[in-house]
Amino acid sequence: MSESPSEDDLVLPPVPLATGGAVQVDGTGRRVSRVELVVSTEDGAELRIPLEHHHGAWWPPTERTAPPAGVYADRVPPADHPHPEG
């Protein structure tokens, strides 16, 4: 089991952050090939976190997710939200 992140570490929820595969740009539909979360720091640096496409949704990468305190990582996900690894 991985070590728990510190209270200040950025942790993304282990749920899809977006769904779908098309986006409207300038009035035309375009297929989505990549979704990223861009994090800007106080010193002006940027961190780009690419999301992973699984089951029609865009999920945070596993290394950026952690279960909340008291929740076991091996719990069974609800039927309508299958685990991204299948």
Protein backbone atom coordinates (compact mmCIF):
# COMPACT_ATOMS: atom_id res chain seq x y z
CA MET A 1 0.00 0.00 0.00
CA SER A 2 1.31 3.46 -0.82
CA GLU A 3 2.18 6.04 1.79
CA SER A 4 -0.52 8.61 2.57
CA PRO A 5 0.14 12.06 1.07
CA SER A 6 0.83 14.97 3.38
CA GLU A 7 -2.06 17.31 4.13
CA ASP A 8 -0.65 19.89 1.70
CA ASP A 9 -0.11 17.53 -1.28
CA LEU A 10 -2.46 17.99 -4.23
CA VAL A 11 -4.62 14.86 -4.48
CA LEU A 12 -7.28 14.32 -7.13
CA PRO A 13 -10.45 12.38 -6.37
CA PRO A 14 -10.59 8.81 -7.74
CA VAL A 15 -13.62 9.66 -9.89
CA PRO A 16 -13.96 10.80 -13.51
CA LEU A 17 -13.27 14.53 -13.87
CA ALA A 18 -14.91 14.77 -17.31
CA THR A 19 -16.94 12.63 -19.70
CA GLY A 20 -17.45 12.57 -23.44
CA GLY A 21 -15.31 12.58 -26.54
CA ALA A 22 -16.28 15.74 -28.43
CA VAL A 23 -16.06 19.47 -27.76
CA GLN A 24 -17.46 22.53 -29.57
CA VAL A 25 -14.73 24.89 -30.82
CA ASP A 26 -15.69 27.96 -32.86
CA GLY A 27 -19.09 26.44 -33.61
CA THR A 28 -17.79 23.09 -34.87
CA GLY A 29 -17.59 19.78 -33.05
CA ARG A 30 -14.13 18.30 -32.65
CA ARG A 31 -12.99 14.96 -31.26
CA VAL A 32 -11.11 15.13 -27.98
CA SER A 33 -7.67 13.49 -28.06
CA ARG A 34 -6.29 14.66 -24.71
CA VAL A 35 -7.56 16.30 -21.51
CA GLU A 36 -5.17 17.90 -19.03
CA LEU A 37 -5.50 19.60 -15.68
CA VAL A 38 -3.22 22.64 -15.54
CA VAL A 39 -1.99 23.63 -12.09
CA SER A 40 -0.32 27.04 -11.66
CA THR A 41 1.90 27.63 -8.63
CA GLU A 42 2.52 30.86 -6.72
CA ASP A 43 5.93 31.25 -8.38
CA GLY A 44 4.38 31.18 -11.86
CA ALA A 45 5.31 27.60 -12.77
CA GLU A 46 2.78 25.31 -14.43
CA LEU A 47 2.24 21.60 -13.94
CA ARG A 48 0.23 19.77 -16.60
CA ILE A 49 -1.46 16.59 -15.41
CA PRO A 50 -2.79 14.52 -18.33
CA LEU A 51 -6.02 12.70 -17.55
CA GLU A 52 -6.50 9.09 -18.68
CA HIS A 53 -9.39 7.98 -20.90
CA HIS A 54 -11.23 4.91 -19.56
CA HIS A 55 -14.85 3.81 -20.02
CA GLY A 56 -15.89 7.01 -21.85
CA ALA A 57 -14.58 9.30 -19.10
CA TRP A 58 -11.38 11.21 -18.25
CA TRP A 59 -9.83 10.05 -14.98
CA PRO A 60 -6.91 11.44 -12.95
CA PRO A 61 -3.77 9.32 -13.14
CA THR A 62 -3.54 6.71 -10.40
CA GLU A 63 -0.40 8.21 -8.84
CA ARG A 64 -2.31 11.47 -8.20
CA THR A 65 -5.28 9.86 -6.46
CA ALA A 66 -5.53 8.66 -2.91
CA PRO A 67 -8.50 7.42 -0.92
CA PRO A 68 -9.78 9.77 1.78
CA ALA A 69 -8.75 8.99 5.34
CA GLY A 70 -10.58 5.93 6.63
CA VAL A 71 -11.48 4.60 3.15
CA TYR A 72 -9.71 1.46 1.97
CA ALA A 73 -8.13 1.55 -1.50
CA ASP A 74 -9.45 -1.93 -2.29
CA ARG A 75 -13.14 -1.06 -1.81
CA VAL A 76 -15.53 -2.10 -4.57
CA PRO A 77 -16.67 0.81 -6.80
CA PRO A 78 -20.40 1.32 -7.46
CA ALA A 79 -21.81 -0.54 -10.48
CA ASP A 80 -22.45 2.67 -12.44
CA HIS A 81 -18.81 3.81 -12.02
CA PRO A 82 -16.55 0.86 -12.86
CA HIS A 83 -12.92 1.07 -11.85
CA PRO A 84 -10.83 2.69 -14.67
CA GLU A 85 -8.61 -0.39 -14.91
CA GLY A 86 -11.61 -2.51 -15.84
